[in-house]
Protein backbone atom coordinates (compact mmCIF):
# COMPACT_ATOMS: atom_id res chain seq x y z
CA MET A 1 74.18 -60.36 18.52
CA LEU A 2 75.35 -62.10 15.06
CA ASP A 3 73.06 -65.03 14.05
CA SER A 4 74.56 -68.26 13.63
CA VAL A 5 74.77 -68.44 10.07
CA SER A 6 76.42 -64.74 10.06
CA ILE A 7 78.90 -66.56 12.73
CA ASN A 8 79.48 -69.12 10.66
CA SER A 9 80.44 -67.17 7.52
CA LEU A 10 82.46 -65.26 9.46
CA ASN A 11 84.69 -67.76 11.34
CA ASN A 12 85.19 -69.08 7.90
CA ILE A 13 87.06 -65.72 6.80
CA VAL A 14 88.90 -64.99 10.26
CA ALA A 15 89.75 -66.19 12.81
CA VAL A 16 91.91 -64.00 15.43
CA LYS A 17 91.31 -63.22 18.88
CA GLU A 18 91.17 -59.60 19.99
CA ASP A 19 93.48 -60.30 23.03
CA SER A 20 96.09 -61.92 20.20
CA ASN A 21 99.61 -60.54 19.72
CA THR A 22 99.09 -61.73 15.81
CA ASN A 23 99.54 -58.61 13.95
CA ILE A 24 96.27 -57.79 11.91
CA ILE A 25 95.77 -56.10 8.66
CA GLY A 26 92.57 -54.67 9.61
CA ARG A 27 89.59 -55.79 10.36
CA LEU A 28 85.78 -57.58 9.03
CA MET A 29 83.05 -55.59 9.84
CA TYR A 30 79.28 -56.49 10.03
CA PHE A 31 76.21 -54.32 10.25
CA MET A 32 72.63 -54.51 10.31
CA ILE A 33 70.02 -52.01 10.35
CA GLY A 34 66.86 -53.48 11.12
CA LYS A 35 62.98 -51.11 11.33
CA ALA A 36 64.18 -48.42 12.97
CA PHE A 37 62.97 -44.92 13.50
CA ILE A 38 65.26 -42.11 14.74
CA PRO A 39 64.05 -38.00 15.04
CA SER A 40 66.14 -35.98 12.41
CA ASP A 41 67.37 -33.84 15.24
CA MET A 42 68.59 -37.10 16.96
CA ILE A 43 70.35 -38.20 14.02
CA LYS A 44 72.21 -33.99 13.85
CA GLN A 45 73.50 -34.56 17.33
CA ILE A 46 75.10 -38.23 17.05
CA VAL A 47 76.98 -37.64 14.19
CA THR A 48 78.68 -34.69 15.68
CA GLN A 49 79.19 -35.92 19.03
CA CYS A 50 80.88 -39.09 17.03
CA GLY A 51 82.85 -36.37 15.25
CA ILE A 52 81.37 -37.27 11.83
CA GLY A 53 80.62 -34.71 8.88
CA GLU A 54 76.57 -34.16 8.51
CA ASP A 55 77.62 -33.48 4.41
CA LEU A 56 77.15 -37.30 4.40
CA LEU A 57 73.68 -37.12 5.87
CA ALA A 58 71.25 -37.79 3.08
CA SER A 59 69.64 -34.93 1.92
CA LYS A 60 66.27 -33.83 3.16
CA PHE A 61 63.59 -36.45 3.54
CA VAL A 62 60.75 -35.83 1.05
CA ASN A 63 57.26 -36.72 2.83
CA THR A 64 56.23 -38.24 0.18
CA HIS A 65 59.31 -41.28 1.02
CA ALA A 66 57.20 -41.11 4.44
CA PHE A 67 54.06 -41.77 3.00
CA LYS A 68 55.52 -44.59 0.93
CA SER A 69 57.38 -46.13 3.80
CA ALA A 70 54.63 -45.79 6.29
CA THR A 71 52.17 -47.69 4.38
CA LYS A 72 54.68 -50.24 3.31
CA SER A 73 54.69 -51.60 6.89
CA LEU A 74 50.90 -52.78 6.66
CA GLU A 75 52.17 -55.91 4.19
CA LYS A 76 52.86 -58.77 6.00
CA ARG A 77 52.00 -62.65 5.28
CA ARG A 78 48.99 -64.14 7.61
CA LYS A 79 48.31 -67.81 8.45
CA CYS A 80 44.94 -68.51 10.32
CA VAL A 81 42.30 -71.44 10.90
CA ASP A 82 38.86 -70.53 10.64
CA GLY A 83 35.47 -71.67 12.88
CA LYS A 84 35.01 -74.23 10.71
CA GLY A 85 38.75 -75.68 11.14
CA ARG A 86 40.17 -74.57 7.41
CA LEU A 87 43.36 -73.38 7.00
CA HIS A 88 43.89 -69.68 5.29
CA LEU A 89 46.44 -68.39 4.18
CA TYR A 90 46.94 -64.43 2.62
CA ARG A 91 48.70 -61.51 2.39
CA ILE A 92 48.07 -57.82 2.92
CA ARG A 93 49.71 -55.75 0.13
CA VAL A 94 49.96 -51.94 -0.40
CA LEU A 95 50.52 -50.95 -4.12
CA ASP A 96 50.52 -47.72 -6.17
CA ASN A 97 47.28 -47.06 -7.66
CA GLN A 98 46.85 -43.80 -9.24
CA LYS A 99 47.71 -39.92 -9.16
CA GLU A 100 44.87 -37.57 -8.64
CA ALA A 101 44.28 -33.76 -8.54
CA ASP A 102 47.30 -33.76 -11.47
CA GLY A 103 49.78 -35.91 -9.09
CA LYS A 104 48.66 -33.60 -5.69
CA VAL A 105 46.82 -36.78 -4.54
CA LEU A 106 48.86 -40.06 -4.16
CA VAL A 107 46.65 -42.88 -3.76
CA ARG A 108 48.01 -46.50 -2.81
CA GLU A 109 45.84 -49.42 -2.73
CA ILE A 110 45.18 -52.09 0.32
CA LYS A 111 45.08 -55.67 -1.08
CA LYS A 112 44.28 -58.82 0.07
CA GLU A 113 46.18 -61.58 -1.81
CA THR A 114 44.90 -65.30 -1.12
CA ILE A 115 47.82 -67.53 -1.50
CA LYS A 116 47.14 -70.68 -3.78
CA GLU A 117 49.32 -73.48 -5.47
CA LYS A 118 48.57 -71.65 -8.97
CA MET A 119 47.02 -68.27 -9.12
CA ASN A 120 46.96 -65.71 -6.30
CA PRO A 121 43.76 -64.13 -6.50
CA MET A 122 43.61 -60.49 -4.87
CA VAL A 123 40.57 -57.97 -3.57
CA ASN A 124 40.87 -54.31 -2.86
CA LEU A 125 40.46 -53.70 0.84
CA GLY A 126 40.75 -50.10 0.90
CA ASN A 127 42.89 -47.08 0.11
CA PHE A 128 45.68 -44.94 1.33
CA ILE A 129 45.22 -41.30 0.49
CA TYR A 130 47.82 -38.79 0.28
CA ASN A 131 47.24 -35.05 0.00
CA LYS A 132 50.65 -33.58 -0.79
CA GLU A 133 49.47 -29.90 -0.30
CA ALA A 134 47.90 -30.40 3.02
CA ASP A 135 50.53 -33.18 3.92
CA THR A 136 47.63 -35.62 5.01
CA LEU A 137 47.25 -39.52 5.15
CA THR A 138 43.92 -40.81 5.25
CA VAL A 139 42.53 -44.52 4.57
CA LYS A 140 39.29 -45.53 2.87
CA LEU A 141 38.15 -48.86 3.43
CA ASN A 142 35.72 -51.32 2.40
CA PRO A 143 34.14 -52.20 5.14
CA VAL A 144 31.57 -55.16 3.19
CA THR A 145 34.60 -56.82 1.55
CA ILE A 146 36.58 -56.26 5.08
CA LYS A 147 33.58 -58.55 6.38
CA ASN A 148 33.89 -61.02 3.97
CA GLU A 149 37.28 -61.08 3.32
CA ILE A 150 39.12 -60.86 6.85
CA GLU A 151 36.49 -60.66 9.78
CA GLY A 152 34.83 -64.18 8.56
CA ILE A 153 38.24 -66.05 9.03
CA ASP A 154 41.13 -64.17 10.74
CA ASP A 155 39.73 -62.93 14.20
CA CYS A 156 43.23 -61.65 14.90
CA MET A 157 43.43 -59.00 12.42
CA ASP A 158 41.90 -55.79 12.86
CA LEU A 159 42.68 -53.79 9.76
CA LYS A 160 41.06 -50.68 10.68
CA GLU A 161 43.21 -50.76 14.01
CA GLU A 162 46.15 -51.57 11.90
CA CYS A 163 45.73 -48.90 9.85
CA GLN A 164 45.38 -46.34 12.72
CA LYS A 165 48.98 -47.65 13.58
CA ILE A 166 50.03 -46.35 9.57
CA LEU A 167 48.63 -42.78 10.09
CA ASP A 168 50.32 -42.62 13.20
CA LEU A 169 53.35 -43.95 11.98
CA PHE A 170 53.58 -41.46 8.85
CA GLU A 171 53.27 -38.67 11.51
CA LEU A 172 56.78 -40.13 13.19
CA ALA A 173 58.49 -40.74 9.67
CA LYS A 174 58.08 -37.35 8.46
CA THR A 175 60.42 -36.36 11.32
CA CYS A 176 62.69 -39.27 11.74
CA TYR A 177 65.42 -41.35 10.04
CA ASN A 178 64.21 -44.99 8.66
CA GLU A 179 66.50 -47.68 8.28
CA ASN A 180 66.55 -47.12 4.36
CA ARG A 181 67.89 -43.65 5.22
CA LEU A 182 70.57 -44.94 8.00
CA VAL A 183 71.80 -47.62 5.67
CA THR A 184 72.52 -45.44 3.16
CA PHE A 185 74.67 -43.13 5.49
CA VAL A 186 76.58 -46.16 6.94
CA GLU A 187 77.36 -47.22 3.22
CA ASN A 188 78.29 -43.69 1.92
CA PHE A 189 80.36 -43.21 5.19
CA ILE A 190 82.22 -46.86 4.90
CA MET A 191 82.76 -46.67 1.39
CA GLU A 192 84.06 -42.75 1.28
CA GLN A 193 85.65 -42.38 4.97
CA LEU A 194 87.16 -45.71 5.48
CA ASP A 195 88.57 -47.10 2.23
CA ALA A 196 86.88 -49.89 2.49
CA SER A 197 86.45 -53.54 0.55
CA PRO A 198 83.01 -54.72 0.05
CA ILE A 199 82.81 -58.70 0.74
CA ASN A 200 80.90 -60.72 -1.82
CA VAL A 201 78.73 -62.72 0.78
CA HIS A 202 74.93 -62.24 1.95
CA GLY A 203 74.74 -59.28 4.38
CA LYS A 204 76.15 -55.87 5.07
CA LEU A 205 80.39 -57.22 5.40
CA PHE A 206 83.51 -55.27 4.41
CA PHE A 207 86.77 -55.20 4.74
CA ILE A 208 88.59 -51.93 7.10
CA PRO A 209 92.11 -51.66 6.24
CA LYS A 210 94.00 -51.32 9.67
CA TYR A 211 94.78 -47.79 9.12
CA LYS A 212 91.42 -46.45 9.32
CA GLU A 213 90.39 -47.79 12.67
CA ALA A 214 90.35 -44.41 14.24
CA GLU A 215 87.07 -43.51 11.20
CA LEU A 216 85.70 -47.09 12.42
CA ALA A 217 85.82 -46.25 15.68
CA LYS A 218 83.65 -43.56 15.02
CA LEU A 219 81.30 -45.60 12.76
CA GLU A 220 80.94 -48.10 16.23
CA MET A 221 80.15 -45.03 18.16
CA PHE A 222 77.31 -44.20 15.85
CA MET A 223 75.55 -47.69 15.77
CA GLN A 224 75.77 -48.02 19.43
CA MET A 225 74.09 -44.62 19.81
CA ILE A 226 71.47 -45.19 17.29
CA GLU A 227 70.55 -48.07 19.17
CA GLN A 228 69.59 -46.42 22.15
CA GLU A 229 67.62 -43.86 20.23
CA ASN A 230 65.92 -45.92 18.45
CA LEU A 231 62.12 -45.27 18.80
CA ILE A 232 61.19 -48.69 17.67
CA ARG A 233 62.10 -50.81 20.67
CA GLU A 234 61.91 -54.75 18.62
CA GLY A 235 64.36 -52.96 15.65
CA THR A 236 67.60 -54.74 15.55
CA ILE A 237 70.72 -52.64 14.90
CA THR A 238 74.19 -55.28 14.95
CA PHE A 239 77.50 -53.70 14.63
CA ALA A 240 81.00 -55.84 14.58
CA ALA A 241 84.50 -55.47 13.61
CA ILE A 242 86.65 -58.64 14.12
CA PRO A 243 90.34 -58.32 13.46
CA VAL A 244 92.19 -60.22 10.29
CA MET A 245 95.35 -61.33 10.90
CA SER A 246 98.41 -60.43 8.87
CA GLU A 247 98.52 -64.25 7.00
CA GLU A 248 99.44 -64.92 3.73
CA LYS A 249 95.72 -66.49 2.95
CA TYR A 250 93.88 -63.32 4.17
CA ILE A 251 96.33 -61.25 1.86
CA LYS A 252 95.27 -63.25 -0.81
CA GLU A 253 91.65 -63.13 0.09
CA TYR A 254 90.90 -59.82 0.42
CA SER A 255 93.21 -58.63 -2.27
CA LYS A 256 90.75 -60.26 -4.30
CA GLU A 257 88.01 -58.30 -2.50
CA PHE A 258 89.99 -55.29 -3.10
CA TYR A 259 90.46 -56.03 -7.14
CA ALA A 260 86.99 -56.76 -7.18
CA SER A 261 86.09 -53.31 -5.46
CA LEU A 262 88.57 -51.34 -7.60
CA GLN A 263 87.55 -53.03 -11.00
CA GLU A 264 83.92 -52.07 -10.39
CA GLU A 265 84.77 -48.13 -9.45
CA LEU A 266 87.05 -48.22 -12.71
CA ASP A 267 84.57 -49.08 -15.14
CA ILE A 268 82.23 -46.37 -14.05
CA LEU A 269 85.01 -43.80 -14.13
CA MET A 270 85.89 -45.10 -17.27
CA THR A 271 82.39 -44.70 -18.49
CA ARG A 272 81.80 -41.48 -17.12
CA PHE A 273 85.07 -39.56 -18.39
CA ASP A 274 83.96 -41.25 -21.94
CA HIS A 275 81.17 -39.75 -21.46
CA PHE A 276 82.83 -36.04 -20.64
CA ILE A 277 85.30 -36.98 -23.48
CA THR A 278 83.31 -37.56 -26.37
CA LYS A 279 80.28 -35.38 -25.75
CA LYS A 280 82.08 -32.07 -25.16
CA GLY A 281 80.64 -29.54 -23.66
CA THR A 282 77.89 -31.65 -21.77
CA ALA A 283 79.68 -30.94 -18.14
CA SER A 284 80.80 -28.10 -16.60
CA GLU A 285 84.32 -27.74 -15.77
CA LYS A 286 83.74 -28.07 -11.80
CA VAL A 287 81.63 -31.52 -12.33
CA ILE A 288 84.82 -32.88 -14.24
CA SER A 289 86.83 -31.50 -11.19
CA VAL A 290 84.96 -34.26 -8.89
CA TRP A 291 85.02 -36.96 -10.96
CA LEU A 292 88.68 -36.21 -11.65
CA GLU A 293 89.24 -36.33 -7.47
CA LYS A 294 87.04 -39.42 -7.17
CA TYR A 295 89.59 -40.73 -9.03
CA ASN A 296 92.73 -39.87 -7.29
CA LYS A 297 91.25 -40.73 -4.11
CA LEU A 298 91.10 -44.28 -5.86
CA MET A 299 94.57 -43.97 -6.84
CA GLU A 300 95.34 -43.41 -2.95
CA LYS A 301 93.24 -46.02 -1.72
CA LYS A 302 95.18 -48.75 -4.04
CA LYS A 303 98.57 -47.02 -2.67
CA SER A 304 97.74 -47.71 0.82
CA TYR A 305 96.89 -51.19 0.61
CA GLU A 306 99.89 -51.48 -1.46
CA GLU A 307 101.31 -50.37 1.76
CA LEU A 308 99.35 -52.39 3.98
CA PHE A 309 99.62 -55.83 2.23
CA LYS A 310 103.25 -55.09 1.22
CA ARG A 311 103.03 -55.76 -2.46
CA LYS A 312 102.19 -54.43 -5.90
CA LEU A 313 98.25 -54.75 -6.75
CA ASP A 314 98.96 -54.47 -10.53
CA ASN A 315 96.39 -57.00 -11.64
CA LEU A 316 94.26 -53.94 -13.26
CA ASN A 317 97.31 -51.83 -14.30
CA GLU A 318 96.18 -51.79 -17.98
CA ASP A 319 92.65 -50.41 -17.36
CA ILE A 320 94.08 -47.68 -14.94
CA ASP A 321 96.61 -46.72 -17.92
CA LEU A 322 93.43 -46.17 -19.75
CA VAL A 323 91.89 -44.10 -17.33
CA ASP A 324 95.41 -42.75 -16.82
CA MET A 325 95.12 -41.56 -20.67
CA GLN A 326 91.22 -39.78 -20.21
CA VAL A 327 92.44 -37.91 -16.55
CA LYS A 328 95.47 -36.30 -18.87
CA GLU A 329 92.82 -35.73 -21.46
CA LEU A 330 90.37 -34.46 -19.13
CA LYS A 331 93.11 -31.96 -17.64
CA ASN A 332 94.41 -30.67 -20.62
CA ARG A 333 91.21 -29.51 -21.46
CA ILE A 334 90.15 -28.22 -18.04
CA ASP A 335 93.65 -25.91 -18.84
CA THR A 336 93.27 -24.76 -22.16
CA GLU A 337 89.68 -23.58 -21.62
CA SER A 338 91.07 -21.97 -18.30
CA LYS A 339 93.87 -19.82 -20.24
CA LEU A 340 91.42 -18.85 -22.99
CA LYS A 341 89.27 -17.57 -20.25
CA LYS A 342 91.46 -15.51 -18.78
CA GLN A 343 92.97 -14.36 -22.13
CA LYS A 344 88.94 -12.86 -23.02
CA GLU A 345 89.56 -11.84 -19.63
CA VAL A 346 92.18 -9.66 -20.45
CA LYS A 347 90.69 -8.28 -23.67
């Protein structure tokens, strides 16, 4: 369920009931993925069942990522009162330290950071050590320091036990999608398949045009299924898609959000095309063609939004004209190079 802040934010932007007869132009979609570990094989099954292609799944998760993800989970803020009634505030931090054996061994330091008004002193409590070749994670603690810095003030903190949980978590992380990978996948799906316009407020909030409702249903099913399969039961996974009615104030609002999204994408394309043009030979025809296709899809998205909003979205025509010129130059170059290549093959 959305928290009160999220609900208030949504209500300020849209207010239409699901059973309303009002014509809608799309949906305001919000999602959140909290702590999560879902087996990779299960994720592949889920995307297949939802009718989503596996090509949007992130590349293979290397175990060094699992090492950093798992050890980072040890970090926490502590508030405790010692036997003499004194209040103590401190954090457990996990920081990159060094690489050993030519990078085959990675070390992360476990630190206690005492929270004070001016400077926060830190002491070393031990190290997590990851051997890349053996694919093993071990922990080496400093018992004397732990006794002085932790056991004397915080009876509820068993660092040895907490570190053992991290070792177990590492083994789990190696075979699972965590929340970061899931968010990356969902955002890729939203931007590539839903013609979404990100909303410039806090949170994962997007406007999804009405003509993408079938694809949105796939994402909703995906979110429901990963919630069921999450191995971390306290992890929160939230999804909401609220109808947006076809009124001038909403069309104006989401036209503005679309322009912001379009401007950002055009800037990226202009920069990339300029690089291809000024530094001839630095990119293959295949790479350039991929970026040209991105431009085609962006213009298709613009046309679809114009049909949805029943108006021309021409505020960025100057930028679009500039990119059009770049596209024509690159297409002419590809055609010329292709003809020269065929002539050489004939000879």
